Amino acid sequence: MKAGFVSLVGRPNAGKSTLLNHLVGAKVAIVSDKPQTTRTRIVGAKTTPAGQIVFVDTPGIHRPLHRMNVRMVDLAVESIADVDVITLVVDASVPGGAGDRFVLGLLEKRSGPVVLALNKIDLVAKPTLLPRIDWYRQQFEFATVVPVSALTGDGVDALESALLAELPEGEPLYPDDFLTDQPERALAAELVRERLLHHTRDELPFSTAVIVDRFVEPDERGLLRLYCSILVEHDSQKAIVIGRRGELIKRIGTEARHELEAFFATRVYLDLHVKVKPNWRDDERLLHDLGLGRLHG
């Protein structure tokens, strides 16, 4: 048996969360076309007769502008030292550049194997792919390079095999049926935020968060009650989220409720409120509640 931790690292919007979901065979991380969708460390496990891979999805490594973003990047960088294998996930549809060199510089500080997953090959013509692979090989000595498409699943099995080969021998770290370490409240908040991201544009996704105020376990009729707050920084953003005559918040709520009912396999009552909280991205206590740091003192 092989068993160990594999961290998925890379720049924002490389497709790490989509890849994680495909690797574990279930939706444990929300996905969006917006950069910086993943804000916390997410664990998802895949157990097969050959072994157990415990994946650690991390926020994209970027230049932080708020305390929240500093915490996000810290989580990603810390994961580099704490795992058996690193998987660098890159967007193969764009040329490598300074941001990729920065991430590779961080990886040079560790001694374990690093696997390169060249993602989004469904968007790349084959003549373009080979020069991309050559560029990365010139920058860093990878244990192996695997072209994949997290969207279509192409190459994902090959990536899983490559990662198992690099893991140490050992007993499973978690029970066979373990899927993720995400608390139910956190998963519920993220599923709501996913629908919020889907329906908002421009700068709004970066300045919103979802907090579960109350999580009431299913009653005798099987009804799970969730009361959530959508945080924004300005009154104008609140108006955008609510929409004309409340249409957008209703649409977000309806779609999120369907996602929640599918995930929890029960009926869900979802109550959403939009609250204005200026500068919440620099609020220590709120970041702690969102899983982005510890309170001291």
C-alpha atoms as a PDB file:
ATOM      1  CA  MET A   1       0.000   0.000   0.000  1.00  0.00           C
ATOM      2  CA  LYS A   2       1.033   3.563  -0.721  1.00  0.00           C
ATOM      3  CA  ALA A   3      -0.256   6.422   1.425  1.00  0.00           C
ATOM      4  CA  GLY A   4       0.548  10.073   1.867  1.00  0.00           C
ATOM      5  CA  PHE A   5      -0.303  13.726   1.383  1.00  0.00           C
ATOM      6  CA  VAL A   6      -0.228  15.497  -1.991  1.00  0.00           C
ATOM      7  CA  SER A   7      -0.569  19.271  -2.123  1.00  0.00           C
ATOM      8  CA  LEU A   8      -2.091  20.981  -5.173  1.00  0.00           C
ATOM      9  CA  VAL A   9      -0.375  24.345  -5.581  1.00  0.00           C
ATOM     10  CA  GLY A  10      -0.233  26.953  -8.303  1.00  0.00           C
ATOM     11  CA  ARG A  11      -1.355  30.366  -9.387  1.00  0.00           C
ATOM     12  CA  PRO A  12      -4.998  31.523  -9.217  1.00  0.00           C
ATOM     13  CA  ASN A  13      -7.400  30.076 -11.784  1.00  0.00           C
ATOM     14  CA  ALA A  14      -5.147  27.151 -12.716  1.00  0.00           C
ATOM     15  CA  GLY A  15      -8.028  24.722 -12.111  1.00  0.00           C
ATOM     16  CA  LYS A  16      -6.808  23.140  -8.858  1.00  0.00           C
ATOM     17  CA  SER A  17     -10.275  22.746  -7.324  1.00  0.00           C
ATOM     18  CA  THR A  18     -11.793  21.254 -10.475  1.00  0.00           C
ATOM     19  CA  LEU A  19      -8.872  18.816 -10.557  1.00  0.00           C
ATOM     20  CA  LEU A  20      -9.350  17.946  -6.873  1.00  0.00           C
ATOM     21  CA  ASN A  21     -13.032  17.144  -7.410  1.00  0.00           C
ATOM     22  CA  HIS A  22     -12.206  14.923 -10.377  1.00  0.00           C
ATOM     23  CA  LEU A  23      -9.426  13.118  -8.504  1.00  0.00           C
ATOM     24  CA  VAL A  24     -11.555  12.283  -5.447  1.00  0.00           C
ATOM     25  CA  GLY A  25     -14.696  11.611  -7.493  1.00  0.00           C
ATOM     26  CA  ALA A  26     -16.923  14.027  -5.553  1.00  0.00           C
ATOM     27  CA  LYS A  27     -17.492  17.752  -5.170  1.00  0.00           C
ATOM     28  CA  VAL A  28     -15.515  18.779  -2.104  1.00  0.00           C
ATOM     29  CA  ALA A  29     -14.405  22.209  -3.402  1.00  0.00           C
ATOM     30  CA  ILE A  30     -16.418  24.871  -5.174  1.00  0.00           C
ATOM     31  CA  VAL A  31     -15.344  25.884  -8.656  1.00  0.00           C
ATOM     32  CA  SER A  32     -15.608  29.147 -10.546  1.00  0.00           C
ATOM     33  CA  ASP A  33     -13.973  30.951 -13.439  1.00  0.00           C
ATOM     34  CA  LYS A  34     -13.075  33.741 -10.981  1.00  0.00           C
ATOM     35  CA  PRO A  35      -9.497  33.829  -9.649  1.00  0.00           C
ATOM     36  CA  GLN A  36      -8.977  33.296  -5.903  1.00  0.00           C
ATOM     37  CA  THR A  37     -12.123  31.178  -5.547  1.00  0.00           C
ATOM     38  CA  THR A  38     -10.405  28.838  -3.062  1.00  0.00           C
ATOM     39  CA  ARG A  39      -9.677  30.716   0.148  1.00  0.00           C
ATOM     40  CA  THR A  40      -8.857  27.970   2.635  1.00  0.00           C
ATOM     41  CA  ARG A  41      -7.026  24.650   2.790  1.00  0.00           C
ATOM     42  CA  ILE A  42      -9.304  21.823   1.604  1.00  0.00           C
ATOM     43  CA  VAL A  43      -8.515  18.133   2.123  1.00  0.00           C
ATOM     44  CA  GLY A  44      -9.978  15.423  -0.097  1.00  0.00           C
ATOM     45  CA  ALA A  45      -9.013  11.743  -0.052  1.00  0.00           C
ATOM     46  CA  LYS A  46      -8.976   9.064  -2.757  1.00  0.00           C
ATOM     47  CA  THR A  47      -8.678   5.460  -1.573  1.00  0.00           C
ATOM     48  CA  THR A  48      -8.060   2.577  -3.999  1.00  0.00           C
ATOM     49  CA  PRO A  49      -6.646  -0.952  -3.651  1.00  0.00           C
ATOM     50  CA  ALA A  50      -3.261   0.523  -4.580  1.00  0.00           C
ATOM     51  CA  GLY A  51      -3.226   3.114  -1.825  1.00  0.00           C
ATOM     52  CA  GLN A  52      -4.641   6.292  -0.377  1.00  0.00           C
ATOM     53  CA  ILE A  53      -3.848   9.778  -1.669  1.00  0.00           C
ATOM     54  CA  VAL A  54      -4.833  12.634   0.635  1.00  0.00           C
ATOM     55  CA  PHE A  55      -5.026  15.746  -1.530  1.00  0.00           C
ATOM     56  CA  VAL A  56      -4.620  19.219  -0.074  1.00  0.00           C
ATOM     57  CA  ASP A  57      -6.123  21.943  -2.271  1.00  0.00           C
ATOM     58  CA  THR A  58      -4.675  25.392  -1.575  1.00  0.00           C
ATOM     59  CA  PRO A  59      -5.468  28.995  -2.506  1.00  0.00           C
ATOM     60  CA  GLY A  60      -3.747  30.308  -5.604  1.00  0.00           C
ATOM     61  CA  ILE A  61      -0.389  31.969  -4.943  1.00  0.00           C
ATOM     62  CA  HIS A  62      -0.711  35.654  -5.832  1.00  0.00           C
ATOM     63  CA  ARG A  63       0.372  39.124  -4.704  1.00  0.00           C
ATOM     64  CA  PRO A  64      -1.766  39.816  -1.608  1.00  0.00           C
ATOM     65  CA  LEU A  65      -3.527  43.170  -1.206  1.00  0.00           C
ATOM     66  CA  HIS A  66      -5.550  42.509   1.961  1.00  0.00           C
ATOM     67  CA  ARG A  67      -4.974  40.621   5.190  1.00  0.00           C
ATOM     68  CA  MET A  68      -7.313  37.916   3.887  1.00  0.00           C
ATOM     69  CA  ASN A  69      -5.119  37.414   0.821  1.00  0.00           C
ATOM     70  CA  VAL A  70      -1.980  37.308   2.967  1.00  0.00           C
ATOM     71  CA  ARG A  71      -3.532  34.464   4.961  1.00  0.00           C
ATOM     72  CA  MET A  72      -4.547  32.668   1.764  1.00  0.00           C
ATOM     73  CA  VAL A  73      -1.019  32.777   0.347  1.00  0.00           C
ATOM     74  CA  ASP A  74       0.450  31.759   3.724  1.00  0.00           C
ATOM     75  CA  LEU A  75      -1.764  28.641   3.712  1.00  0.00           C
ATOM     76  CA  ALA A  76      -0.548  27.707   0.242  1.00  0.00           C
ATOM     77  CA  VAL A  77       3.127  28.257   1.057  1.00  0.00           C
ATOM     78  CA  GLU A  78       2.867  26.325   4.359  1.00  0.00           C
ATOM     79  CA  SER A  79       1.429  23.327   2.500  1.00  0.00           C
ATOM     80  CA  ILE A  80       4.606  23.053   0.450  1.00  0.00           C
ATOM     81  CA  ALA A  81       6.606  21.885   3.479  1.00  0.00           C
ATOM     82  CA  ASP A  82       3.987  19.661   5.090  1.00  0.00           C
ATOM     83  CA  VAL A  83       3.303  17.024   2.413  1.00  0.00           C
ATOM     84  CA  ASP A  84       4.950  14.033   0.740  1.00  0.00           C
ATOM     85  CA  VAL A  85       4.486  15.186  -2.861  1.00  0.00           C
ATOM     86  CA  ILE A  86       3.791  18.550  -4.480  1.00  0.00           C
ATOM     87  CA  THR A  87       1.627  18.786  -7.581  1.00  0.00           C
ATOM     88  CA  LEU A  88       2.178  22.069  -9.367  1.00  0.00           C
ATOM     89  CA  VAL A  89      -0.982  22.781 -11.368  1.00  0.00           C
ATOM     90  CA  VAL A  90      -0.524  25.246 -14.224  1.00  0.00           C
ATOM     91  CA  ASP A  91      -2.799  26.557 -16.940  1.00  0.00           C
ATOM     92  CA  ALA A  92      -1.350  25.118 -20.139  1.00  0.00           C
ATOM     93  CA  SER A  93      -3.395  27.522 -22.279  1.00  0.00           C
ATOM     94  CA  VAL A  94      -1.234  30.524 -21.307  1.00  0.00           C
ATOM     95  CA  PRO A  95       2.557  30.914 -21.597  1.00  0.00           C
ATOM     96  CA  GLY A  96       4.681  30.618 -18.467  1.00  0.00           C
ATOM     97  CA  GLY A  97       5.967  33.863 -16.995  1.00  0.00           C
ATOM     98  CA  ALA A  98       7.189  35.745 -13.928  1.00  0.00           C
ATOM     99  CA  GLY A  99       4.342  34.506 -11.710  1.00  0.00           C
ATOM    100  CA  ASP A 100       5.208  30.885 -12.529  1.00  0.00           C
ATOM    101  CA  ARG A 101       8.899  31.522 -11.835  1.00  0.00           C
ATOM    102  CA  PHE A 102       7.958  32.917  -8.422  1.00  0.00           C
ATOM    103  CA  VAL A 103       6.020  29.764  -7.528  1.00  0.00           C
ATOM    104  CA  LEU A 104       8.834  27.557  -8.811  1.00  0.00           C
ATOM    105  CA  GLY A 105      11.258  29.518  -6.625  1.00  0.00           C
ATOM    106  CA  LEU A 106       9.178  28.564  -3.585  1.00  0.00           C
ATOM    107  CA  LEU A 107       9.286  24.898  -4.613  1.00  0.00           C
ATOM    108  CA  GLU A 108      13.077  24.898  -4.852  1.00  0.00           C
ATOM    109  CA  LYS A 109      13.240  25.183  -1.054  1.00  0.00           C
ATOM    110  CA  ARG A 110      11.841  21.649  -0.556  1.00  0.00           C
ATOM    111  CA  SER A 111      13.567  18.332  -1.210  1.00  0.00           C
ATOM    112  CA  GLY A 112      10.626  16.028  -2.035  1.00  0.00           C
ATOM    113  CA  PRO A 113       9.261  15.153  -5.481  1.00  0.00           C
ATOM    114  CA  VAL A 114       7.319  17.726  -7.490  1.00  0.00           C
ATOM    115  CA  VAL A 115       4.926  16.604 -10.234  1.00  0.00           C
ATOM    116  CA  LEU A 116       3.821  19.057 -12.904  1.00  0.00           C
ATOM    117  CA  ALA A 117       0.164  18.837 -13.943  1.00  0.00           C
ATOM    118  CA  LEU A 118      -0.282  20.810 -17.152  1.00  0.00           C
ATOM    119  CA  ASN A 119      -4.006  21.512 -16.903  1.00  0.00           C
ATOM    120  CA  LYS A 120      -6.576  22.716 -19.462  1.00  0.00           C
ATOM    121  CA  ILE A 121      -5.031  20.786 -22.368  1.00  0.00           C
ATOM    122  CA  ASP A 122      -8.533  20.751 -23.891  1.00  0.00           C
ATOM    123  CA  LEU A 123      -7.873  24.419 -24.727  1.00  0.00           C
ATOM    124  CA  VAL A 124      -4.422  23.860 -26.257  1.00  0.00           C
ATOM    125  CA  ALA A 125      -3.410  22.673 -29.727  1.00  0.00           C
ATOM    126  CA  LYS A 126      -0.857  19.855 -29.525  1.00  0.00           C
ATOM    127  CA  PRO A 127       1.886  21.823 -31.380  1.00  0.00           C
ATOM    128  CA  THR A 128       1.604  24.473 -28.644  1.00  0.00           C
ATOM    129  CA  LEU A 129       1.691  21.998 -25.756  1.00  0.00           C
ATOM    130  CA  LEU A 130       5.204  20.656 -26.345  1.00  0.00           C
ATOM    131  CA  PRO A 131       6.903  24.084 -26.100  1.00  0.00           C
ATOM    132  CA  ARG A 132       4.957  24.712 -22.876  1.00  0.00           C
ATOM    133  CA  ILE A 133       6.283  21.454 -21.410  1.00  0.00           C
ATOM    134  CA  ASP A 134       9.831  22.308 -22.524  1.00  0.00           C
ATOM    135  CA  TRP A 135       9.629  25.743 -20.886  1.00  0.00           C
ATOM    136  CA  TYR A 136       8.677  24.286 -17.521  1.00  0.00           C
ATOM    137  CA  ARG A 137      11.286  21.526 -17.751  1.00  0.00           C
ATOM    138  CA  GLN A 138      13.945  24.191 -18.315  1.00  0.00           C
ATOM    139  CA  GLN A 139      12.833  26.045 -15.170  1.00  0.00           C
ATOM    140  CA  PHE A 140      12.650  23.109 -12.742  1.00  0.00           C
ATOM    141  CA  GLU A 141      13.515  19.431 -12.340  1.00  0.00           C
ATOM    142  CA  PHE A 142      10.128  17.705 -12.054  1.00  0.00           C
ATOM    143  CA  ALA A 143       9.704  14.078 -11.047  1.00  0.00           C
ATOM    144  CA  THR A 144       7.286  13.751 -13.951  1.00  0.00           C
ATOM    145  CA  VAL A 145       5.092  15.911 -16.187  1.00  0.00           C
ATOM    146  CA  VAL A 146       1.466  14.927 -16.839  1.00  0.00           C
ATOM    147  CA  PRO A 147      -0.783  16.834 -19.266  1.00  0.00           C
ATOM    148  CA  VAL A 148      -4.374  16.775 -17.984  1.00  0.00           C
ATOM    149  CA  SER A 149      -7.792  18.300 -18.433  1.00  0.00           C
ATOM    150  CA  ALA A 150      -9.608  18.573 -15.118  1.00  0.00           C
ATOM    151  CA  LEU A 151     -12.723  19.531 -17.076  1.00  0.00           C
ATOM    152  CA  THR A 152     -12.890  16.461 -19.338  1.00  0.00           C
ATOM    153  CA  GLY A 153     -10.918  14.044 -17.148  1.00  0.00           C
ATOM    154  CA  ASP A 154      -8.309  13.448 -19.843  1.00  0.00           C
ATOM    155  CA  GLY A 155      -5.020  12.398 -18.219  1.00  0.00           C
ATOM    156  CA  VAL A 156      -6.389  12.431 -14.646  1.00  0.00           C
ATOM    157  CA  ASP A 157      -5.925   8.659 -14.213  1.00  0.00           C
ATOM    158  CA  ALA A 158      -2.335   8.982 -15.424  1.00  0.00           C
ATOM    159  CA  LEU A 159      -1.755  11.768 -12.908  1.00  0.00           C
ATOM    160  CA  GLU A 160      -3.160   9.637 -10.086  1.00  0.00           C
ATOM    161  CA  SER A 161      -0.832   6.772 -11.038  1.00  0.00           C
ATOM    162  CA  ALA A 162       2.156   9.122 -11.184  1.00  0.00           C
ATOM    163  CA  LEU A 163       1.375  10.485  -7.725  1.00  0.00           C
ATOM    164  CA  LEU A 164       0.915   7.015  -6.203  1.00  0.00           C
ATOM    165  CA  ALA A 165       4.325   6.052  -7.563  1.00  0.00           C
ATOM    166  CA  GLU A 166       5.938   8.950  -5.672  1.00  0.00           C
ATOM    167  CA  LEU A 167       4.201   8.312  -2.339  1.00  0.00           C
ATOM    168  CA  PRO A 168       5.859   6.334   0.457  1.00  0.00           C
ATOM    169  CA  GLU A 169       4.640   2.895   1.451  1.00  0.00           C
ATOM    170  CA  GLY A 170       2.326   2.861   4.423  1.00  0.00           C
ATOM    171  CA  GLU A 171      -1.104   2.204   5.838  1.00  0.00           C
ATOM    172  CA  PRO A 172      -4.048   4.482   4.967  1.00  0.00           C
ATOM    173  CA  LEU A 173      -4.105   7.720   6.929  1.00  0.00           C
ATOM    174  CA  TYR A 174      -7.912   7.887   7.050  1.00  0.00           C
ATOM    175  CA  PRO A 175     -10.788   5.352   6.951  1.00  0.00           C
ATOM    176  CA  ASP A 176     -11.683   4.068   3.465  1.00  0.00           C
ATOM    177  CA  ASP A 177     -14.908   6.097   3.385  1.00  0.00           C
ATOM    178  CA  PHE A 178     -13.241   9.402   4.385  1.00  0.00           C
ATOM    179  CA  LEU A 179     -13.878  12.079   1.746  1.00  0.00           C
ATOM    180  CA  THR A 180     -13.055  15.526   3.144  1.00  0.00           C
ATOM    181  CA  ASP A 181     -12.262  17.363   6.372  1.00  0.00           C
ATOM    182  CA  GLN A 182     -14.592  20.240   5.535  1.00  0.00           C
ATOM    183  CA  PRO A 183     -17.172  20.877   8.288  1.00  0.00           C
ATOM    184  CA  GLU A 184     -20.779  20.863   7.122  1.00  0.00           C
ATOM    185  CA  ARG A 185     -21.182  24.567   7.937  1.00  0.00           C
ATOM    186  CA  ALA A 186     -18.149  25.452   5.814  1.00  0.00           C
ATOM    187  CA  LEU A 187     -19.372  23.329   2.906  1.00  0.00           C
ATOM    188  CA  ALA A 188     -22.795  24.976   3.071  1.00  0.00           C
ATOM    189  CA  ALA A 189     -21.274  28.466   3.041  1.00  0.00           C
ATOM    190  CA  GLU A 190     -19.055  27.576   0.095  1.00  0.00           C
ATOM    191  CA  LEU A 191     -21.946  26.177  -1.969  1.00  0.00           C
ATOM    192  CA  VAL A 192     -23.819  29.445  -1.468  1.00  0.00           C
ATOM    193  CA  ARG A 193     -20.692  31.442  -2.391  1.00  0.00           C
ATOM    194  CA  GLU A 194     -20.267  29.382  -5.554  1.00  0.00           C
ATOM    195  CA  ARG A 195     -23.671  30.506  -6.828  1.00  0.00           C
ATOM    196  CA  LEU A 196     -22.866  34.069  -5.771  1.00  0.00           C
ATOM    197  CA  LEU A 197     -19.638  33.957  -7.791  1.00  0.00           C
ATOM    198  CA  HIS A 198     -21.517  32.562 -10.769  1.00  0.00           C
ATOM    199  CA  HIS A 199     -23.905  35.510 -10.885  1.00  0.00           C
ATOM    200  CA  THR A 200     -21.571  38.415 -10.090  1.00  0.00           C
ATOM    201  CA  ARG A 201     -18.874  40.060 -12.152  1.00  0.00           C
ATOM    202  CA  ASP A 202     -15.931  42.462 -11.964  1.00  0.00           C
ATOM    203  CA  GLU A 203     -14.535  43.179  -8.486  1.00  0.00           C
ATOM    204  CA  LEU A 204     -17.532  41.906  -6.516  1.00  0.00           C
ATOM    205  CA  PRO A 205     -16.391  38.262  -6.074  1.00  0.00           C
ATOM    206  CA  PHE A 206     -13.232  39.394  -4.258  1.00  0.00           C
ATOM    207  CA  SER A 207     -15.138  41.513  -1.734  1.00  0.00           C
ATOM    208  CA  THR A 208     -17.871  39.050  -0.752  1.00  0.00           C
ATOM    209  CA  ALA A 209     -18.012  36.247   1.802  1.00  0.00           C
ATOM    210  CA  VAL A 210     -20.691  33.911   3.148  1.00  0.00           C
ATOM    211  CA  ILE A 211     -21.163  33.159   6.840  1.00  0.00           C
ATOM    212  CA  VAL A 212     -23.518  30.488   8.192  1.00  0.00           C
ATOM    213  CA  ASP A 213     -25.244  32.172  11.129  1.00  0.00           C
ATOM    214  CA  ARG A 214     -27.375  29.141  12.082  1.00  0.00           C
ATOM    215  CA  PHE A 215     -27.190  25.504  10.990  1.00  0.00           C
ATOM    216  CA  VAL A 216     -30.261  23.620  12.260  1.00  0.00           C
ATOM    217  CA  GLU A 217     -30.018  19.854  11.819  1.00  0.00           C
ATOM    218  CA  PRO A 218     -32.866  18.152   9.903  1.00  0.00           C
ATOM    219  CA  ASP A 219     -36.089  17.874  11.881  1.00  0.00           C
ATOM    220  CA  GLU A 220     -38.503  14.923  11.940  1.00  0.00           C
ATOM    221  CA  ARG A 221     -39.657  15.881   8.443  1.00  0.00           C
ATOM    222  CA  GLY A 222     -36.074  15.857   7.142  1.00  0.00           C
ATOM    223  CA  LEU A 223     -35.859  19.627   6.711  1.00  0.00           C
ATOM    224  CA  LEU A 224     -32.397  21.181   7.191  1.00  0.00           C
ATOM    225  CA  ARG A 225     -32.551  24.900   8.025  1.00  0.00           C
ATOM    226  CA  LEU A 226     -29.704  27.219   7.051  1.00  0.00           C
ATOM    227  CA  TYR A 227     -29.496  30.919   7.845  1.00  0.00           C
ATOM    228  CA  CYS A 228     -26.648  32.646   6.008  1.00  0.00           C
ATOM    229  CA  SER A 229     -25.238  36.156   5.679  1.00  0.00           C
ATOM    230  CA  ILE A 230     -23.635  37.380   2.465  1.00  0.00           C
ATOM    231  CA  LEU A 231     -21.046  40.019   3.381  1.00  0.00           C
ATOM    232  CA  VAL A 232     -20.170  42.916   1.084  1.00  0.00           C
ATOM    233  CA  GLU A 233     -18.095  46.043   1.684  1.00  0.00           C
ATOM    234  CA  HIS A 234     -20.332  48.786   0.252  1.00  0.00           C
ATOM    235  CA  ASP A 235     -24.031  49.654  -0.065  1.00  0.00           C
ATOM    236  CA  SER A 236     -23.688  49.673  -3.859  1.00  0.00           C
ATOM    237  CA  GLN A 237     -22.493  46.046  -3.729  1.00  0.00           C
ATOM    238  CA  LYS A 238     -25.461  45.108  -1.564  1.00  0.00           C
ATOM    239  CA  ALA A 239     -27.794  46.505  -4.214  1.00  0.00           C
ATOM    240  CA  ILE A 240     -26.027  44.443  -6.899  1.00  0.00           C
ATOM    241  CA  VAL A 241     -26.340  41.186  -4.928  1.00  0.00           C
ATOM    242  CA  ILE A 242     -30.000  41.782  -4.136  1.00  0.00           C
ATOM    243  CA  GLY A 243     -30.792  42.776  -7.712  1.00  0.00           C
ATOM    244  CA  ARG A 244     -33.814  44.492  -9.153  1.00  0.00           C
ATOM    245  CA  ARG A 245     -36.875  43.676  -7.016  1.00  0.00           C
ATOM    246  CA  GLY A 246     -34.745  41.077  -5.219  1.00  0.00           C
ATOM    247  CA  GLU A 247     -34.498  38.900  -8.323  1.00  0.00           C
ATOM    248  CA  LEU A 248     -30.777  38.084  -8.117  1.00  0.00           C
ATOM    249  CA  ILE A 249     -30.726  37.099  -4.448  1.00  0.00           C
ATOM    250  CA  LYS A 250     -33.745  34.868  -5.108  1.00  0.00           C
ATOM    251  CA  ARG A 251     -31.977  33.186  -8.031  1.00  0.00           C
ATOM    252  CA  ILE A 252     -28.810  32.677  -5.973  1.00  0.00           C
ATOM    253  CA  GLY A 253     -30.886  31.225  -3.136  1.00  0.00           C
ATOM    254  CA  THR A 254     -32.846  28.858  -5.378  1.00  0.00           C
ATOM    255  CA  GLU A 255     -29.751  27.501  -7.128  1.00  0.00           C
ATOM    256  CA  ALA A 256     -27.812  27.202  -3.862  1.00  0.00           C
ATOM    257  CA  ARG A 257     -30.705  25.360  -2.224  1.00  0.00           C
ATOM    258  CA  HIS A 258     -30.734  22.794  -5.042  1.00  0.00           C
ATOM    259  CA  GLU A 259     -26.972  22.286  -4.631  1.00  0.00           C
ATOM    260  CA  LEU A 260     -27.345  21.947  -0.864  1.00  0.00           C
ATOM    261  CA  GLU A 261     -30.191  19.446  -1.150  1.00  0.00           C
ATOM    262  CA  ALA A 262     -28.115  17.331  -3.537  1.00  0.00           C
ATOM    263  CA  PHE A 263     -25.086  17.440  -1.259  1.00  0.00           C
ATOM    264  CA  PHE A 264     -26.859  16.799   2.054  1.00  0.00           C
ATOM    265  CA  ALA A 265     -29.437  14.445   0.508  1.00  0.00           C
ATOM    266  CA  THR A 266     -32.301  16.113   2.344  1.00  0.00           C
ATOM    267  CA  ARG A 267     -34.724  19.004   1.987  1.00  0.00           C
ATOM    268  CA  VAL A 268     -33.247  22.429   2.761  1.00  0.00           C
ATOM    269  CA  TYR A 269     -34.736  25.721   3.908  1.00  0.00           C
ATOM    270  CA  LEU A 270     -32.252  28.480   3.004  1.00  0.00           C
ATOM    271  CA  ASP A 271     -32.502  32.019   4.347  1.00  0.00           C
ATOM    272  CA  LEU A 272     -30.078  34.582   2.864  1.00  0.00           C
ATOM    273  CA  HIS A 273     -29.404  38.121   4.068  1.00  0.00           C
ATOM    274  CA  VAL A 274     -26.946  40.634   2.610  1.00  0.00           C
ATOM    275  CA  LYS A 275     -24.965  42.662   5.138  1.00  0.00           C
ATOM    276  CA  VAL A 276     -22.596  45.575   4.565  1.00  0.00           C
ATOM    277  CA  LYS A 277     -19.364  45.232   6.539  1.00  0.00           C
ATOM    278  CA  PRO A 278     -16.662  47.667   5.361  1.00  0.00           C
ATOM    279  CA  ASN A 279     -13.109  46.331   5.239  1.00  0.00           C
ATOM    280  CA  TRP A 280     -14.130  42.842   6.353  1.00  0.00           C
ATOM    281  CA  ARG A 281     -11.116  41.412   4.507  1.00  0.00           C
ATOM    282  CA  ASP A 282      -8.874  42.981   7.173  1.00  0.00           C
ATOM    283  CA  ASP A 283     -11.024  41.939  10.157  1.00  0.00           C
ATOM    284  CA  GLU A 284      -9.039  39.460  12.303  1.00  0.00           C
ATOM    285  CA  ARG A 285     -12.048  37.894  14.034  1.00  0.00           C
ATOM    286  CA  LEU A 286     -14.008  37.477  10.820  1.00  0.00           C
ATOM    287  CA  LEU A 287     -11.034  35.930   9.023  1.00  0.00           C
ATOM    288  CA  HIS A 288     -10.749  33.490  11.904  1.00  0.00           C
ATOM    289  CA  ASP A 289     -14.426  32.572  11.499  1.00  0.00           C
ATOM    290  CA  LEU A 290     -13.778  31.979   7.796  1.00  0.00           C
ATOM    291  CA  GLY A 291     -10.938  29.562   8.582  1.00  0.00           C
ATOM    292  CA  LEU A 292      -8.178  32.006   7.679  1.00  0.00           C
ATOM    293  CA  GLY A 293      -6.098  32.347  10.787  1.00  0.00           C
ATOM    294  CA  ARG A 294      -6.045  32.168  14.565  1.00  0.00           C
ATOM    295  CA  LEU A 295      -6.919  34.731  17.155  1.00  0.00           C
ATOM    296  CA  HIS A 296      -4.117  35.512  19.603  1.00  0.00           C
ATOM    297  CA  GLY A 297      -4.238  36.868  23.095  1.00  0.00           C
END
